[in-house]
Amino acid sequence: DINAREYKSLLFSFAGQLPPKRREIFLLKIEKGLTNEEIGSYLSISPNTVKNQLQKSYFTIRKLIAESAIIILLYASLR
């Protein structure tokens, strides 16, 4: 599905704007489907740290999506 591919591409683009360690945690969760415990074990950090970093990642990505939507709407209204 084209929309799903576009969404995934956009999501990974936004993920690229995360700090390196946070991006790594986010991608392990999204791409590999690992649990917080598995990510923590893999990176030698606590599952709670994984959870906190994922929450920060989700917040940042939601913010970037909202900002992009506003820019698109403003551009569309100027046309």
PDB file of N, CA and C in Angstrom:
ATOM      1  N   ASP A   1       0.842  -1.186   0.000  1.00  0.00           N
ATOM      2  CA  ASP A   1       0.000   0.000   0.000  1.00  0.00           C
ATOM      3  C   ASP A   1       0.889   1.252   0.000  1.00  0.00           C
ATOM      4  N   ILE A   2       0.618   2.164  -0.907  1.00  0.00           N
ATOM      5  CA  ILE A   2       1.440   3.360  -1.057  1.00  0.00           C
ATOM      6  C   ILE A   2       1.390   4.223   0.197  1.00  0.00           C
ATOM      7  N   ASN A   3       0.211   4.424   0.748  1.00  0.00           N
ATOM      8  CA  ASN A   3       0.105   5.259   1.948  1.00  0.00           C
ATOM      9  C   ASN A   3       0.908   4.695   3.107  1.00  0.00           C
ATOM     10  N   ALA A   4       0.886   3.393   3.273  1.00  0.00           N
ATOM     11  CA  ALA A   4       1.646   2.762   4.353  1.00  0.00           C
ATOM     12  C   ALA A   4       3.142   2.955   4.135  1.00  0.00           C
ATOM     13  N   ARG A   5       3.593   2.827   2.894  1.00  0.00           N
ATOM     14  CA  ARG A   5       5.017   3.033   2.591  1.00  0.00           C
ATOM     15  C   ARG A   5       5.419   4.485   2.821  1.00  0.00           C
ATOM     16  N   GLU A   6       4.561   5.400   2.404  1.00  0.00           N
ATOM     17  CA  GLU A   6       4.857   6.822   2.604  1.00  0.00           C
ATOM     18  C   GLU A   6       4.904   7.162   4.089  1.00  0.00           C
ATOM     19  N   TYR A   7       3.955   6.612   4.846  1.00  0.00           N
ATOM     20  CA  TYR A   7       3.917   6.855   6.282  1.00  0.00           C
ATOM     21  C   TYR A   7       5.183   6.307   6.937  1.00  0.00           C
ATOM     22  N   LYS A   8       5.571   5.097   6.551  1.00  0.00           N
ATOM     23  CA  LYS A   8       6.758   4.472   7.129  1.00  0.00           C
ATOM     24  C   LYS A   8       8.004   5.288   6.777  1.00  0.00           C
ATOM     25  N   SER A   9       8.088   5.753   5.552  1.00  0.00           N
ATOM     26  CA  SER A   9       9.216   6.577   5.134  1.00  0.00           C
ATOM     27  C   SER A   9       9.275   7.869   5.940  1.00  0.00           C
ATOM     28  N   LEU A  10       8.131   8.492   6.128  1.00  0.00           N
ATOM     29  CA  LEU A  10       8.060   9.723   6.911  1.00  0.00           C
ATOM     30  C   LEU A  10       8.443   9.463   8.366  1.00  0.00           C
ATOM     31  N   LEU A  11       7.963   8.365   8.913  1.00  0.00           N
ATOM     32  CA  LEU A  11       8.271   8.003  10.297  1.00  0.00           C
ATOM     33  C   LEU A  11       9.778   7.826  10.482  1.00  0.00           C
ATOM     34  N   PHE A  12      10.429   7.137   9.540  1.00  0.00           N
ATOM     35  CA  PHE A  12      11.868   6.925   9.647  1.00  0.00           C
ATOM     36  C   PHE A  12      12.637   8.232   9.429  1.00  0.00           C
ATOM     37  N   SER A  13      12.097   9.108   8.622  1.00  0.00           N
ATOM     38  CA  SER A  13      12.702  10.418   8.435  1.00  0.00           C
ATOM     39  C   SER A  13      12.681  11.194   9.752  1.00  0.00           C
ATOM     40  N   PHE A  14      11.555  11.168  10.427  1.00  0.00           N
ATOM     41  CA  PHE A  14      11.452  11.830  11.726  1.00  0.00           C
ATOM     42  C   PHE A  14      12.351  11.152  12.756  1.00  0.00           C
ATOM     43  N   ALA A  15      12.433   9.839  12.709  1.00  0.00           N
ATOM     44  CA  ALA A  15      13.294   9.103  13.637  1.00  0.00           C
ATOM     45  C   ALA A  15      14.749   9.529  13.462  1.00  0.00           C
ATOM     46  N   GLY A  16      15.112   9.876  12.228  1.00  0.00           N
ATOM     47  CA  GLY A  16      16.472  10.334  11.962  1.00  0.00           C
ATOM     48  C   GLY A  16      16.821  11.622  12.671  1.00  0.00           C
ATOM     49  N   GLN A  17      15.833  12.333  13.159  1.00  0.00           N
ATOM     50  CA  GLN A  17      16.067  13.587  13.873  1.00  0.00           C
ATOM     51  C   GLN A  17      16.225  13.390  15.384  1.00  0.00           C
ATOM     52  N   LEU A  18      16.050  12.159  15.839  1.00  0.00           N
ATOM     53  CA  LEU A  18      16.223  11.855  17.260  1.00  0.00           C
ATOM     54  C   LEU A  18      17.710  11.764  17.589  1.00  0.00           C
ATOM     55  N   PRO A  19      18.070  11.996  18.859  1.00  0.00           N
ATOM     56  CA  PRO A  19      19.469  11.762  19.265  1.00  0.00           C
ATOM     57  C   PRO A  19      19.839  10.301  18.994  1.00  0.00           C
ATOM     58  N   PRO A  20      21.120  10.024  18.722  1.00  0.00           N
ATOM     59  CA  PRO A  20      21.536   8.680  18.282  1.00  0.00           C
ATOM     60  C   PRO A  20      21.060   7.515  19.154  1.00  0.00           C
ATOM     61  N   LYS A  21      21.248   7.586  20.452  1.00  0.00           N
ATOM     62  CA  LYS A  21      20.855   6.461  21.314  1.00  0.00           C
ATOM     63  C   LYS A  21      19.337   6.298  21.350  1.00  0.00           C
ATOM     64  N   ARG A  22      18.620   7.415  21.399  1.00  0.00           N
ATOM     65  CA  ARG A  22      17.162   7.371  21.394  1.00  0.00           C
ATOM     66  C   ARG A  22      16.660   6.793  20.073  1.00  0.00           C
ATOM     67  N   ARG A  23      17.297   7.190  18.974  1.00  0.00           N
ATOM     68  CA  ARG A  23      16.929   6.661  17.652  1.00  0.00           C
ATOM     69  C   ARG A  23      17.148   5.149  17.605  1.00  0.00           C
ATOM     70  N   GLU A  24      18.274   4.698  18.165  1.00  0.00           N
ATOM     71  CA  GLU A  24      18.567   3.266  18.176  1.00  0.00           C
ATOM     72  C   GLU A  24      17.481   2.496  18.937  1.00  0.00           C
ATOM     73  N   ILE A  25      17.111   2.994  20.091  1.00  0.00           N
ATOM     74  CA  ILE A  25      16.062   2.359  20.893  1.00  0.00           C
ATOM     75  C   ILE A  25      14.747   2.348  20.124  1.00  0.00           C
ATOM     76  N   PHE A  26      14.384   3.482  19.548  1.00  0.00           N
ATOM     77  CA  PHE A  26      13.142   3.600  18.787  1.00  0.00           C
ATOM     78  C   PHE A  26      13.114   2.614  17.618  1.00  0.00           C
ATOM     79  N   LEU A  27      14.204   2.536  16.882  1.00  0.00           N
ATOM     80  CA  LEU A  27      14.241   1.646  15.715  1.00  0.00           C
ATOM     81  C   LEU A  27      14.228   0.172  16.114  1.00  0.00           C
ATOM     82  N   LEU A  28      14.856  -0.153  17.233  1.00  0.00           N
ATOM     83  CA  LEU A  28      14.786  -1.542  17.708  1.00  0.00           C
ATOM     84  C   LEU A  28      13.338  -1.912  18.038  1.00  0.00           C
ATOM     85  N   LYS A  29      12.610  -0.966  18.588  1.00  0.00           N
ATOM     86  CA  LYS A  29      11.208  -1.200  18.933  1.00  0.00           C
ATOM     87  C   LYS A  29      10.350  -1.295  17.671  1.00  0.00           C
ATOM     88  N   ILE A  30      10.503  -0.333  16.762  1.00  0.00           N
ATOM     89  CA  ILE A  30       9.648  -0.247  15.584  1.00  0.00           C
ATOM     90  C   ILE A  30      10.021  -1.269  14.509  1.00  0.00           C
ATOM     91  N   GLU A  31      11.310  -1.352  14.179  1.00  0.00           N
ATOM     92  CA  GLU A  31      11.733  -2.239  13.094  1.00  0.00           C
ATOM     93  C   GLU A  31      11.803  -3.703  13.519  1.00  0.00           C
ATOM     94  N   LYS A  32      12.389  -3.930  14.674  1.00  0.00           N
ATOM     95  CA  LYS A  32      12.616  -5.310  15.122  1.00  0.00           C
ATOM     96  C   LYS A  32      11.489  -5.855  15.981  1.00  0.00           C
ATOM     97  N   GLY A  33      10.662  -4.953  16.528  1.00  0.00           N
ATOM     98  CA  GLY A  33       9.554  -5.394  17.363  1.00  0.00           C
ATOM     99  C   GLY A  33       9.981  -5.953  18.707  1.00  0.00           C
ATOM    100  N   LEU A  34      11.152  -5.517  19.177  1.00  0.00           N
ATOM    101  CA  LEU A  34      11.648  -6.026  20.456  1.00  0.00           C
ATOM    102  C   LEU A  34      10.873  -5.419  21.624  1.00  0.00           C
ATOM    103  N   THR A  35      10.794  -6.161  22.701  1.00  0.00           N
ATOM    104  CA  THR A  35      10.175  -5.647  23.921  1.00  0.00           C
ATOM    105  C   THR A  35      11.164  -4.710  24.617  1.00  0.00           C
ATOM    106  N   ASN A  36      10.663  -3.951  25.575  1.00  0.00           N
ATOM    107  CA  ASN A  36      11.535  -3.065  26.343  1.00  0.00           C
ATOM    108  C   ASN A  36      12.621  -3.861  27.063  1.00  0.00           C
ATOM    109  N   GLU A  37      12.262  -5.027  27.559  1.00  0.00           N
ATOM    110  CA  GLU A  37      13.223  -5.876  28.252  1.00  0.00           C
ATOM    111  C   GLU A  37      14.303  -6.369  27.290  1.00  0.00           C
ATOM    112  N   GLU A  38      13.905  -6.752  26.086  1.00  0.00           N
ATOM    113  CA  GLU A  38      14.871  -7.235  25.093  1.00  0.00           C
ATOM    114  C   GLU A  38      15.810  -6.106  24.658  1.00  0.00           C
ATOM    115  N   ILE A  39      15.247  -4.926  24.462  1.00  0.00           N
ATOM    116  CA  ILE A  39      16.073  -3.776  24.079  1.00  0.00           C
ATOM    117  C   ILE A  39      17.051  -3.446  25.206  1.00  0.00           C
ATOM    118  N   GLY A  40      16.543  -3.443  26.434  1.00  0.00           N
ATOM    119  CA  GLY A  40      17.400  -3.160  27.584  1.00  0.00           C
ATOM    120  C   GLY A  40      18.544  -4.148  27.692  1.00  0.00           C
ATOM    121  N   SER A  41      18.231  -5.412  27.507  1.00  0.00           N
ATOM    122  CA  SER A  41      19.261  -6.447  27.570  1.00  0.00           C
ATOM    123  C   SER A  41      20.279  -6.268  26.447  1.00  0.00           C
ATOM    124  N   TYR A  42      19.794  -5.995  25.253  1.00  0.00           N
ATOM    125  CA  TYR A  42      20.656  -5.820  24.085  1.00  0.00           C
ATOM    126  C   TYR A  42      21.593  -4.625  24.255  1.00  0.00           C
ATOM    127  N   LEU A  43      21.098  -3.536  24.849  1.00  0.00           N
ATOM    128  CA  LEU A  43      21.884  -2.314  24.997  1.00  0.00           C
ATOM    129  C   LEU A  43      22.500  -2.152  26.390  1.00  0.00           C
ATOM    130  N   SER A  44      22.283  -3.134  27.239  1.00  0.00           N
ATOM    131  CA  SER A  44      22.792  -3.095  28.617  1.00  0.00           C
ATOM    132  C   SER A  44      22.297  -1.862  29.377  1.00  0.00           C
ATOM    133  N   ILE A  45      20.994  -1.612  29.254  1.00  0.00           N
ATOM    134  CA  ILE A  45      20.334  -0.554  30.012  1.00  0.00           C
ATOM    135  C   ILE A  45      19.064  -1.134  30.612  1.00  0.00           C
ATOM    136  N   SER A  46      18.490  -0.436  31.573  1.00  0.00           N
ATOM    137  CA  SER A  46      17.296  -0.963  32.229  1.00  0.00           C
ATOM    138  C   SER A  46      16.068  -0.814  31.327  1.00  0.00           C
ATOM    139  N   PRO A  47      15.109  -1.726  31.463  1.00  0.00           N
ATOM    140  CA  PRO A  47      13.859  -1.598  30.706  1.00  0.00           C
ATOM    141  C   PRO A  47      13.148  -0.277  30.992  1.00  0.00           C
ATOM    142  N   ASN A  48      13.315   0.250  32.205  1.00  0.00           N
ATOM    143  CA  ASN A  48      12.704   1.527  32.546  1.00  0.00           C
ATOM    144  C   ASN A  48      13.339   2.669  31.741  1.00  0.00           C
ATOM    145  N   THR A  49      14.637   2.600  31.531  1.00  0.00           N
ATOM    146  CA  THR A  49      15.310   3.592  30.694  1.00  0.00           C
ATOM    147  C   THR A  49      14.794   3.498  29.263  1.00  0.00           C
ATOM    148  N   VAL A  50      14.621   2.279  28.787  1.00  0.00           N
ATOM    149  CA  VAL A  50      14.072   2.070  27.444  1.00  0.00           C
ATOM    150  C   VAL A  50      12.692   2.721  27.356  1.00  0.00           C
ATOM    151  N   LYS A  51      11.858   2.447  28.346  1.00  0.00           N
ATOM    152  CA  LYS A  51      10.503   3.007  28.365  1.00  0.00           C
ATOM    153  C   LYS A  51      10.541   4.531  28.330  1.00  0.00           C
ATOM    154  N   ASN A  52      11.393   5.127  29.162  1.00  0.00           N
ATOM    155  CA  ASN A  52      11.495   6.592  29.212  1.00  0.00           C
ATOM    156  C   ASN A  52      11.973   7.163  27.880  1.00  0.00           C
ATOM    157  N   GLN A  53      12.953   6.521  27.276  1.00  0.00           N
ATOM    158  CA  GLN A  53      13.476   6.998  26.000  1.00  0.00           C
ATOM    159  C   GLN A  53      12.446   6.849  24.876  1.00  0.00           C
ATOM    160  N   LEU A  54      11.675   5.782  24.917  1.00  0.00           N
ATOM    161  CA  LEU A  54      10.619   5.597  23.919  1.00  0.00           C
ATOM    162  C   LEU A  54       9.538   6.661  24.076  1.00  0.00           C
ATOM    163  N   GLN A  55       9.180   6.968  25.317  1.00  0.00           N
ATOM    164  CA  GLN A  55       8.177   8.015  25.546  1.00  0.00           C
ATOM    165  C   GLN A  55       8.655   9.348  24.985  1.00  0.00           C
ATOM    166  N   LYS A  56       9.923   9.662  25.196  1.00  0.00           N
ATOM    167  CA  LYS A  56      10.481  10.901  24.657  1.00  0.00           C
ATOM    168  C   LYS A  56      10.510  10.862  23.137  1.00  0.00           C
ATOM    169  N   SER A  57      10.810   9.704  22.571  1.00  0.00           N
ATOM    170  CA  SER A  57      10.816   9.554  21.111  1.00  0.00           C
ATOM    171  C   SER A  57       9.426   9.774  20.542  1.00  0.00           C
ATOM    172  N   TYR A  58       8.431   9.147  21.144  1.00  0.00           N
ATOM    173  CA  TYR A  58       7.049   9.287  20.664  1.00  0.00           C
ATOM    174  C   TYR A  58       6.587  10.740  20.741  1.00  0.00           C
ATOM    175  N   PHE A  59       6.944  11.414  21.838  1.00  0.00           N
ATOM    176  CA  PHE A  59       6.570  12.817  21.994  1.00  0.00           C
ATOM    177  C   PHE A  59       7.186  13.666  20.879  1.00  0.00           C
ATOM    178  N   THR A  60       8.468  13.469  20.644  1.00  0.00           N
ATOM    179  CA  THR A  60       9.173  14.234  19.607  1.00  0.00           C
ATOM    180  C   THR A  60       8.591  13.959  18.233  1.00  0.00           C
ATOM    181  N   ILE A  61       8.336  12.710  17.921  1.00  0.00           N
ATOM    182  CA  ILE A  61       7.816  12.357  16.597  1.00  0.00           C
ATOM    183  C   ILE A  61       6.401  12.894  16.416  1.00  0.00           C
ATOM    184  N   ARG A  62       5.567  12.816  17.456  1.00  0.00           N
ATOM    185  CA  ARG A  62       4.217  13.407  17.361  1.00  0.00           C
ATOM    186  C   ARG A  62       4.307  14.901  17.096  1.00  0.00           C
ATOM    187  N   LYS A  63       5.242  15.562  17.770  1.00  0.00           N
ATOM    188  CA  LYS A  63       5.435  17.003  17.580  1.00  0.00           C
ATOM    189  C   LYS A  63       5.865  17.297  16.144  1.00  0.00           C
ATOM    190  N   LEU A  64       6.786  16.521  15.614  1.00  0.00           N
ATOM    191  CA  LEU A  64       7.251  16.719  14.241  1.00  0.00           C
ATOM    192  C   LEU A  64       6.130  16.477  13.230  1.00  0.00           C
ATOM    193  N   ILE A  65       5.314  15.467  13.481  1.00  0.00           N
ATOM    194  CA  ILE A  65       4.180  15.184  12.598  1.00  0.00           C
ATOM    195  C   ILE A  65       3.206  16.353  12.614  1.00  0.00           C
ATOM    196  N   ALA A  66       2.909  16.862  13.812  1.00  0.00           N
ATOM    197  CA  ALA A  66       1.983  17.997  13.927  1.00  0.00           C
ATOM    198  C   ALA A  66       2.527  19.226  13.221  1.00  0.00           C
ATOM    199  N   GLU A  67       3.806  19.510  13.396  1.00  0.00           N
ATOM    200  CA  GLU A  67       4.419  20.656  12.732  1.00  0.00           C
ATOM    201  C   GLU A  67       4.371  20.508  11.212  1.00  0.00           C
ATOM    202  N   SER A  68       4.619  19.305  10.730  1.00  0.00           N
ATOM    203  CA  SER A  68       4.571  19.052   9.291  1.00  0.00           C
ATOM    204  C   SER A  68       3.163  19.245   8.758  1.00  0.00           C
ATOM    205  N   ALA A  69       2.177  18.785   9.511  1.00  0.00           N
ATOM    206  CA  ALA A  69       0.782  18.926   9.086  1.00  0.00           C
ATOM    207  C   ALA A  69       0.407  20.399   8.999  1.00  0.00           C
ATOM    208  N   ILE A  70       0.853  21.189   9.956  1.00  0.00           N
ATOM    209  CA  ILE A  70       0.557  22.623   9.947  1.00  0.00           C
ATOM    210  C   ILE A  70       1.188  23.284   8.722  1.00  0.00           C
ATOM    211  N   ILE A  71       2.424  22.932   8.434  1.00  0.00           N
ATOM    212  CA  ILE A  71       3.108  23.507   7.269  1.00  0.00           C
ATOM    213  C   ILE A  71       2.383  23.129   5.983  1.00  0.00           C
ATOM    214  N   ILE A  72       1.966  21.880   5.869  1.00  0.00           N
ATOM    215  CA  ILE A  72       1.245  21.425   4.676  1.00  0.00           C
ATOM    216  C   ILE A  72      -0.074  22.174   4.532  1.00  0.00           C
ATOM    217  N   LEU A  73      -0.803  22.325   5.634  1.00  0.00           N
ATOM    218  CA  LEU A  73      -2.081  23.043   5.589  1.00  0.00           C
ATOM    219  C   LEU A  73      -1.892  24.516   5.235  1.00  0.00           C
ATOM    220  N   LEU A  74      -0.870  25.133   5.796  1.00  0.00           N
ATOM    221  CA  LEU A  74      -0.604  26.532   5.468  1.00  0.00           C
ATOM    222  C   LEU A  74      -0.225  26.689   4.003  1.00  0.00           C
ATOM    223  N   TYR A  75       0.597  25.798   3.516  1.00  0.00           N
ATOM    224  CA  TYR A  75       0.998  25.849   2.108  1.00  0.00           C
ATOM    225  C   TYR A  75      -0.222  25.661   1.206  1.00  0.00           C
ATOM    226  N   ALA A  76      -1.062  24.699   1.553  1.00  0.00           N
ATOM    227  CA  ALA A  76      -2.254  24.420   0.743  1.00  0.00           C
ATOM    228  C   ALA A  76      -3.203  25.607   0.751  1.00  0.00           C
ATOM    229  N   SER A  77      -3.300  26.316   1.871  1.00  0.00           N
ATOM    230  CA  SER A  77      -4.228  27.453   1.935  1.00  0.00           C
ATOM    231  C   SER A  77      -3.722  28.657   1.152  1.00  0.00           C
ATOM    232  N   LEU A  78      -2.426  28.713   0.900  1.00  0.00           N
ATOM    233  CA  LEU A  78      -1.841  29.824   0.147  1.00  0.00           C
ATOM    234  C   LEU A  78      -1.941  29.613  -1.357  1.00  0.00           C
ATOM    235  N   ARG A  79      -2.254  28.441  -1.778  1.00  0.00           N
ATOM    236  CA  ARG A  79      -2.324  28.135  -3.208  1.00  0.00           C
ATOM    237  C   ARG A  79      -3.608  28.554  -3.797  1.00  0.00           C
TER     238      ARG A  79
END
